[in-house]
Amino acid sequence: MIENIAIIVLAFLTQLNVASDGNGIDHMLDQFIETESINEYLSNDNWDAYRNISEGQEQISPLPYKVSDDEIEINSDSAIAFDVGTDYVLYSKDVKKKLPIASLSKIVTALVVLEKSDLNDVVTISRSAFEVPGKKERLFVGEKITVDNLLKMMLVSSNNIAASALGEHSGGDIESFIELMNQKVEFLGLEDTVFYNPTGLDQKDVNVSTAYDVAQLVDYALEEPIIWEYSRIKDVKISSLDGRTNHWVKNTNQLLGKLEDVVGGKTGFTDIAGQCLVLITNNSSDNQVITVVLNAEDRFLQTQRLKNWIWKNYQW
């Protein structure tokens, strides 16, 4: 408790040089106290930026503070907006509710693939990977294609064959790969997340997580910029190793090209999970915010509403 109080005091002392309207500290203090989940963040060794300060980090990002009384209701089962610089929750709705996350699962698939495989590795599409439901995009059994190209297909168009083929290659078999996925989230302390496949498809058991866990996962995954670089590609031609087969891949994220400040994102949809979306955006001052909506009424509309509300109602 004493350590937590010291960290909070340090955080607010840091703001003395950045509050310009005379009321900035009051705004931040009110918002800080009113955030019900803040103690969870202060007690979480994996994610608390302010705890890292106490362990020798020299700089700290300014705490965002609310500058208006405007409220917003997001039409989704669960949602969160998360400031990357401070681990500060800007908006929350049932953030600990366990829900299926569909293809948001592919963020973890990508992380494990990047750890276990080289981008230049060659993968042969197996019959079992080909038979996974979803878009075929002219992939065929026996086709040889690089890990890099399969990663693009998975992150751009959410291709399930690509995800399964990557899992088989990087894990040796799907079961071993799923074990690696679960080991990764266990290592990250994401206690409410579990995977049963690398795709996010509705199967006998479905991949589940929470908006809170997904936000933390994305925060960690920002350390792999290639994931978000590929997720921003609007459309791309991908070729097999021999160059004889071309795959025309289009992004599933309808906010690309519509919003100018997108760092990256990932869509997800199944009948059970509904519409899901992760989006990372920057404002004009390069503050970065992660938004997550799970089972949203219209994932693109709700995410855009939430993003606009954040940039309008918070200052850093």
Protein backbone atom coordinates (compact mmCIF):
# COMPACT_ATOMS: atom_id res chain seq x y z
CA MET A 1 0.00 0.00 0.00
CA ILE A 2 2.77 2.46 0.94
CA GLU A 3 4.58 1.69 -2.31
CA ASN A 4 1.40 2.29 -4.32
CA ILE A 5 0.80 5.65 -2.65
CA ALA A 6 4.38 6.69 -3.37
CA ILE A 7 3.96 5.76 -7.01
CA ILE A 8 0.75 7.77 -7.30
CA VAL A 9 2.40 10.82 -5.70
CA LEU A 10 5.34 10.50 -8.09
CA ALA A 11 2.98 10.31 -11.04
CA PHE A 12 1.18 13.49 -10.08
CA LEU A 13 4.32 15.40 -9.21
CA THR A 14 5.46 14.60 -12.73
CA GLN A 15 2.37 16.37 -14.07
CA LEU A 16 3.17 19.73 -12.41
CA ASN A 17 5.22 20.74 -15.42
CA VAL A 18 2.62 19.72 -18.00
CA ALA A 19 -0.64 21.10 -16.53
CA SER A 20 -1.20 24.49 -18.11
CA ASP A 21 -4.73 25.60 -17.20
CA GLY A 22 -4.35 25.81 -13.43
CA ASN A 23 -6.96 23.10 -12.96
CA GLY A 24 -5.10 20.28 -14.69
CA ILE A 25 -3.97 18.59 -11.47
CA ASP A 26 -7.50 18.68 -10.06
CA HIS A 27 -8.86 17.16 -13.26
CA MET A 28 -6.29 14.39 -13.20
CA LEU A 29 -6.76 13.66 -9.51
CA ASP A 30 -10.54 13.45 -9.83
CA GLN A 31 -10.27 11.14 -12.84
CA PHE A 32 -7.58 9.04 -11.20
CA ILE A 33 -9.64 8.50 -8.04
CA GLU A 34 -12.82 7.79 -10.00
CA THR A 35 -11.23 5.04 -12.10
CA GLU A 36 -12.46 1.95 -10.28
CA SER A 37 -9.91 -0.37 -11.83
CA ILE A 38 -6.83 1.75 -11.13
CA ASN A 39 -5.75 -0.33 -8.13
CA GLU A 40 -5.67 -3.39 -10.38
CA TYR A 41 -3.20 -1.57 -12.60
CA LEU A 42 -1.10 -0.44 -9.66
CA SER A 43 -0.83 -4.01 -8.40
CA ASN A 44 -0.04 -5.56 -11.77
CA ASP A 45 3.72 -6.06 -12.09
CA ASN A 46 3.51 -6.81 -15.81
CA TRP A 47 1.74 -3.67 -16.90
CA ASP A 48 2.02 -0.75 -14.44
CA ALA A 49 4.12 1.99 -15.99
CA TYR A 50 4.34 3.83 -12.70
CA ARG A 51 5.72 0.79 -10.89
CA ASN A 52 8.41 0.67 -13.56
CA ILE A 53 9.36 4.24 -12.61
CA SER A 54 10.07 3.10 -9.06
CA GLU A 55 12.37 0.43 -10.44
CA GLY A 56 14.69 2.86 -12.18
CA GLN A 57 12.95 4.13 -15.32
CA GLU A 58 13.77 7.82 -15.70
CA GLN A 59 10.85 9.22 -17.70
CA ILE A 60 7.11 8.94 -17.40
CA SER A 61 4.37 9.94 -19.82
CA PRO A 62 1.86 12.56 -18.65
CA LEU A 63 -1.34 11.15 -17.23
CA PRO A 64 -4.31 11.93 -19.47
CA TYR A 65 -7.07 13.86 -17.77
CA LYS A 66 -10.70 14.42 -18.69
CA VAL A 67 -11.52 17.97 -19.74
CA SER A 68 -15.30 17.67 -20.09
CA ASP A 69 -18.31 16.03 -18.49
CA ASP A 70 -19.37 14.33 -21.71
CA GLU A 71 -20.14 10.62 -21.36
CA ILE A 72 -20.54 7.93 -23.99
CA GLU A 73 -22.22 4.54 -24.15
CA ILE A 74 -20.68 2.03 -26.54
CA ASN A 75 -23.05 -0.53 -27.98
CA SER A 76 -21.07 -3.68 -27.31
CA ASP A 77 -20.94 -6.39 -24.68
CA SER A 78 -17.55 -5.11 -23.54
CA ALA A 79 -15.22 -2.26 -24.44
CA ILE A 80 -12.08 -0.53 -23.27
CA ALA A 81 -9.91 2.43 -24.26
CA PHE A 82 -6.36 2.24 -22.93
CA ASP A 83 -3.59 4.85 -22.99
CA VAL A 84 -0.36 3.15 -24.07
CA GLY A 85 1.97 5.69 -22.47
CA THR A 86 0.58 5.36 -18.94
CA ASP A 87 -1.51 2.15 -18.85
CA TYR A 88 -4.43 4.43 -17.96
CA VAL A 89 -8.01 3.32 -18.67
CA LEU A 90 -9.88 6.07 -20.50
CA TYR A 91 -13.13 4.17 -20.98
CA SER A 92 -14.36 0.84 -19.65
CA LYS A 93 -17.45 -1.28 -20.00
CA ASP A 94 -17.56 -4.78 -18.48
CA VAL A 95 -13.82 -5.08 -19.15
CA LYS A 96 -13.48 -8.30 -17.14
CA LYS A 97 -16.37 -10.10 -18.84
CA LYS A 98 -15.14 -13.30 -20.50
CA LEU A 99 -16.21 -13.41 -24.14
CA PRO A 100 -15.22 -15.19 -27.35
CA ILE A 101 -12.77 -13.05 -29.31
CA ALA A 102 -12.85 -14.67 -32.77
CA SER A 103 -9.93 -13.59 -34.98
CA LEU A 104 -8.47 -11.23 -32.40
CA SER A 105 -6.82 -14.54 -31.45
CA LYS A 106 -4.56 -14.11 -34.46
CA ILE A 107 -2.59 -11.42 -32.61
CA VAL A 108 -1.25 -14.15 -30.34
CA THR A 109 -0.82 -16.47 -33.31
CA ALA A 110 1.38 -13.82 -34.92
CA LEU A 111 3.40 -13.29 -31.74
CA VAL A 112 4.19 -16.99 -31.39
CA VAL A 113 5.00 -17.35 -35.09
CA LEU A 114 7.45 -14.44 -34.92
CA GLU A 115 9.14 -16.06 -31.92
CA LYS A 116 9.36 -19.57 -33.35
CA SER A 117 9.84 -19.09 -37.10
CA ASP A 118 11.88 -17.06 -39.54
CA LEU A 119 9.99 -14.90 -42.04
CA ASN A 120 11.87 -16.59 -44.88
CA ASP A 121 10.87 -20.10 -43.81
CA VAL A 122 8.92 -21.99 -46.46
CA VAL A 123 5.59 -23.57 -45.48
CA THR A 124 3.78 -26.26 -47.44
CA ILE A 125 -0.01 -25.97 -47.17
CA SER A 126 -1.31 -29.24 -45.69
CA ARG A 127 -4.67 -30.87 -46.29
CA SER A 128 -5.68 -30.24 -42.66
CA ALA A 129 -4.87 -26.52 -42.94
CA PHE A 130 -6.69 -26.24 -46.27
CA GLU A 131 -9.84 -27.80 -44.83
CA VAL A 132 -10.16 -25.17 -42.08
CA PRO A 133 -13.32 -23.12 -42.77
CA GLY A 134 -12.98 -19.65 -44.23
CA LYS A 135 -11.74 -17.83 -47.31
CA LYS A 136 -9.50 -19.93 -49.52
CA GLU A 137 -8.07 -17.04 -51.60
CA ARG A 138 -6.81 -19.64 -54.07
CA LEU A 139 -4.48 -21.30 -51.59
CA PHE A 140 -4.18 -24.99 -52.42
CA VAL A 141 -2.87 -28.18 -50.84
CA GLY A 142 0.84 -28.61 -51.48
CA GLU A 143 1.43 -24.93 -52.26
CA LYS A 144 4.74 -23.63 -50.93
CA ILE A 145 4.68 -20.12 -49.50
CA THR A 146 6.83 -18.16 -47.06
CA VAL A 147 5.99 -17.48 -43.43
CA ASP A 148 6.15 -13.77 -44.28
CA ASN A 149 3.47 -14.05 -46.96
CA LEU A 150 1.24 -16.24 -44.81
CA LEU A 151 1.59 -13.73 -41.97
CA LYS A 152 0.44 -10.97 -44.34
CA MET A 153 -2.54 -13.02 -45.46
CA MET A 154 -3.50 -13.74 -41.86
CA LEU A 155 -3.21 -10.14 -40.65
CA VAL A 156 -4.62 -8.41 -43.73
CA SER A 157 -7.57 -10.62 -44.63
CA SER A 158 -7.75 -12.79 -41.48
CA ASN A 159 -7.19 -15.92 -43.55
CA ASN A 160 -7.75 -19.06 -41.47
CA ILE A 161 -5.78 -21.40 -43.73
CA ALA A 162 -2.77 -19.12 -43.30
CA ALA A 163 -3.21 -19.13 -39.52
CA SER A 164 -3.49 -22.92 -39.40
CA ALA A 165 -0.52 -23.47 -41.72
CA LEU A 166 1.58 -21.09 -39.62
CA GLY A 167 0.54 -22.94 -36.49
CA GLU A 168 1.52 -26.30 -37.90
CA HIS A 169 4.86 -24.96 -39.08
CA SER A 170 5.80 -22.98 -35.96
CA GLY A 171 4.56 -25.50 -33.41
CA GLY A 172 5.30 -28.73 -35.23
CA ASP A 173 1.59 -29.53 -34.99
CA ILE A 174 -1.54 -27.57 -34.08
CA GLU A 175 -1.83 -28.98 -30.56
CA SER A 176 1.72 -27.96 -29.69
CA PHE A 177 1.17 -24.51 -31.20
CA ILE A 178 -1.99 -23.96 -29.14
CA GLU A 179 0.02 -24.89 -26.06
CA LEU A 180 2.56 -22.22 -27.02
CA MET A 181 -0.25 -19.66 -27.38
CA ASN A 182 -1.52 -20.42 -23.91
CA GLN A 183 1.98 -20.34 -22.47
CA LYS A 184 2.43 -16.87 -23.96
CA VAL A 185 -0.68 -15.41 -22.33
CA GLU A 186 0.14 -17.16 -19.06
CA PHE A 187 3.59 -15.55 -19.17
CA LEU A 188 1.91 -12.17 -19.69
CA GLY A 189 -0.36 -12.71 -16.69
CA LEU A 190 -3.57 -12.73 -18.76
CA GLU A 191 -5.54 -15.00 -16.48
CA ASP A 192 -8.88 -14.71 -18.28
CA THR A 193 -7.61 -15.72 -21.72
CA VAL A 194 -7.51 -19.24 -23.17
CA PHE A 195 -7.01 -20.57 -26.69
CA TYR A 196 -8.20 -23.76 -28.37
CA ASN A 197 -7.16 -22.93 -31.94
CA PRO A 198 -4.96 -20.40 -33.79
CA THR A 199 -7.81 -18.97 -35.86
CA GLY A 200 -10.54 -17.91 -33.43
CA LEU A 201 -13.13 -20.02 -35.23
CA ASP A 202 -16.20 -21.32 -33.43
CA GLN A 203 -15.39 -24.93 -32.65
CA LYS A 204 -16.23 -27.31 -29.81
CA ASP A 205 -14.38 -24.94 -27.48
CA VAL A 206 -14.01 -21.26 -28.42
CA ASN A 207 -11.14 -18.90 -27.68
CA VAL A 208 -12.13 -16.53 -24.90
CA SER A 209 -10.66 -13.43 -23.32
CA THR A 210 -11.72 -10.06 -21.91
CA ALA A 211 -11.44 -6.52 -23.25
CA TYR A 212 -8.97 -5.86 -20.41
CA ASP A 213 -6.75 -8.80 -21.38
CA VAL A 214 -6.90 -7.98 -25.08
CA ALA A 215 -5.80 -4.40 -24.41
CA GLN A 216 -2.85 -5.65 -22.36
CA LEU A 217 -2.01 -8.16 -25.07
CA VAL A 218 -2.01 -5.48 -27.76
CA ASP A 219 0.12 -3.23 -25.54
CA TYR A 220 2.70 -6.01 -25.38
CA ALA A 221 2.38 -6.81 -29.10
CA LEU A 222 3.29 -3.23 -30.02
CA GLU A 223 6.86 -4.44 -29.48
CA GLU A 224 6.44 -6.34 -32.77
CA PRO A 225 5.80 -3.47 -35.23
CA ILE A 226 5.60 -5.85 -38.20
CA ILE A 227 2.21 -7.06 -36.91
CA TRP A 228 0.76 -3.57 -37.08
CA GLU A 229 2.57 -2.66 -40.28
CA TYR A 230 0.93 -5.62 -42.01
CA SER A 231 -2.42 -4.91 -40.37
CA ARG A 232 -2.43 -1.47 -42.08
CA ILE A 233 -2.05 -2.88 -45.59
CA LYS A 234 -5.28 -2.16 -47.48
CA ASP A 235 -4.72 -4.69 -50.26
CA VAL A 236 -1.77 -6.66 -51.56
CA LYS A 237 -0.80 -9.28 -54.10
CA ILE A 238 0.89 -12.29 -52.51
CA SER A 239 2.62 -14.98 -54.54
CA SER A 240 3.54 -18.59 -53.94
CA LEU A 241 7.23 -19.48 -53.69
CA ASP A 242 7.44 -20.40 -57.36
CA GLY A 243 5.55 -17.26 -58.43
CA ARG A 244 2.95 -19.24 -60.37
CA THR A 245 0.05 -18.56 -58.03
CA ASN A 246 -1.05 -15.09 -56.96
CA HIS A 247 -3.36 -14.28 -54.08
CA TRP A 248 -5.18 -10.94 -54.07
CA VAL A 249 -5.76 -10.02 -50.45
CA LYS A 250 -7.99 -7.21 -49.15
CA ASN A 251 -8.06 -5.91 -45.59
CA THR A 252 -11.11 -6.64 -43.45
CA ASN A 253 -10.71 -3.39 -41.47
CA GLN A 254 -13.06 -0.81 -42.99
CA LEU A 255 -11.52 2.03 -40.98
CA LEU A 256 -8.30 1.92 -42.99
CA GLY A 257 -8.31 4.90 -45.32
CA LYS A 258 -11.23 6.37 -43.40
CA LEU A 259 -9.13 7.37 -40.38
CA GLU A 260 -5.72 8.96 -40.91
CA ASP A 261 -4.21 8.15 -37.52
CA VAL A 262 -4.43 4.34 -37.47
CA VAL A 263 -1.33 2.56 -36.16
CA GLY A 264 -2.89 -0.86 -36.67
CA GLY A 265 -5.77 -3.10 -35.78
CA LYS A 266 -7.40 -6.50 -36.03
CA THR A 267 -10.94 -7.51 -36.86
CA GLY A 268 -12.80 -10.54 -35.57
CA PHE A 269 -16.17 -12.09 -36.32
CA THR A 270 -17.93 -15.39 -35.77
CA ASP A 271 -21.56 -16.24 -35.13
CA ILE A 272 -20.82 -16.78 -31.44
CA ALA A 273 -18.37 -13.91 -30.88
CA GLY A 274 -20.19 -11.33 -32.96
CA GLN A 275 -18.32 -8.28 -34.24
CA CYS A 276 -14.99 -7.57 -32.54
CA LEU A 277 -12.31 -5.00 -33.28
CA VAL A 278 -8.98 -3.83 -31.92
CA LEU A 279 -7.70 -0.46 -33.11
CA ILE A 280 -4.59 1.51 -32.21
CA THR A 281 -4.63 5.22 -33.02
CA ASN A 282 -2.37 8.26 -32.53
CA ASN A 283 -3.45 11.81 -31.86
CA SER A 284 -1.61 14.91 -33.10
CA SER A 285 0.74 14.77 -30.10
CA ASP A 286 1.64 11.12 -30.77
CA ASN A 287 -0.28 9.82 -27.77
CA GLN A 288 -1.29 6.27 -28.55
CA VAL A 289 -4.60 4.69 -27.54
CA ILE A 290 -5.77 1.09 -27.83
CA THR A 291 -9.51 0.50 -28.19
CA VAL A 292 -11.21 -2.89 -27.98
CA VAL A 293 -14.87 -3.69 -28.63
CA LEU A 294 -16.27 -7.19 -28.22
CA ASN A 295 -19.62 -8.27 -29.69
CA ALA A 296 -20.35 -4.76 -30.91
CA GLU A 297 -23.49 -3.67 -32.70
CA ASP A 298 -21.34 -2.16 -35.46
CA ARG A 299 -17.66 -2.60 -34.61
CA PHE A 300 -16.41 0.08 -36.99
CA LEU A 301 -18.99 2.68 -35.98
CA GLN A 302 -18.62 2.00 -32.26
CA THR A 303 -14.82 2.09 -32.45
CA GLN A 304 -14.87 5.35 -34.38
CA ARG A 305 -17.28 6.87 -31.86
CA LEU A 306 -15.08 5.78 -28.97
CA LYS A 307 -11.90 7.00 -30.62
CA ASN A 308 -13.40 10.42 -31.41
CA TRP A 309 -14.77 10.73 -27.86
CA ILE A 310 -11.34 9.99 -26.36
CA TRP A 311 -9.52 12.60 -28.44
CA LYS A 312 -12.22 15.18 -27.75
CA ASN A 313 -12.57 14.65 -24.02
CA TYR A 314 -9.03 13.91 -22.84
CA GLN A 315 -5.82 15.89 -22.77
CA TRP A 316 -2.27 14.74 -22.06
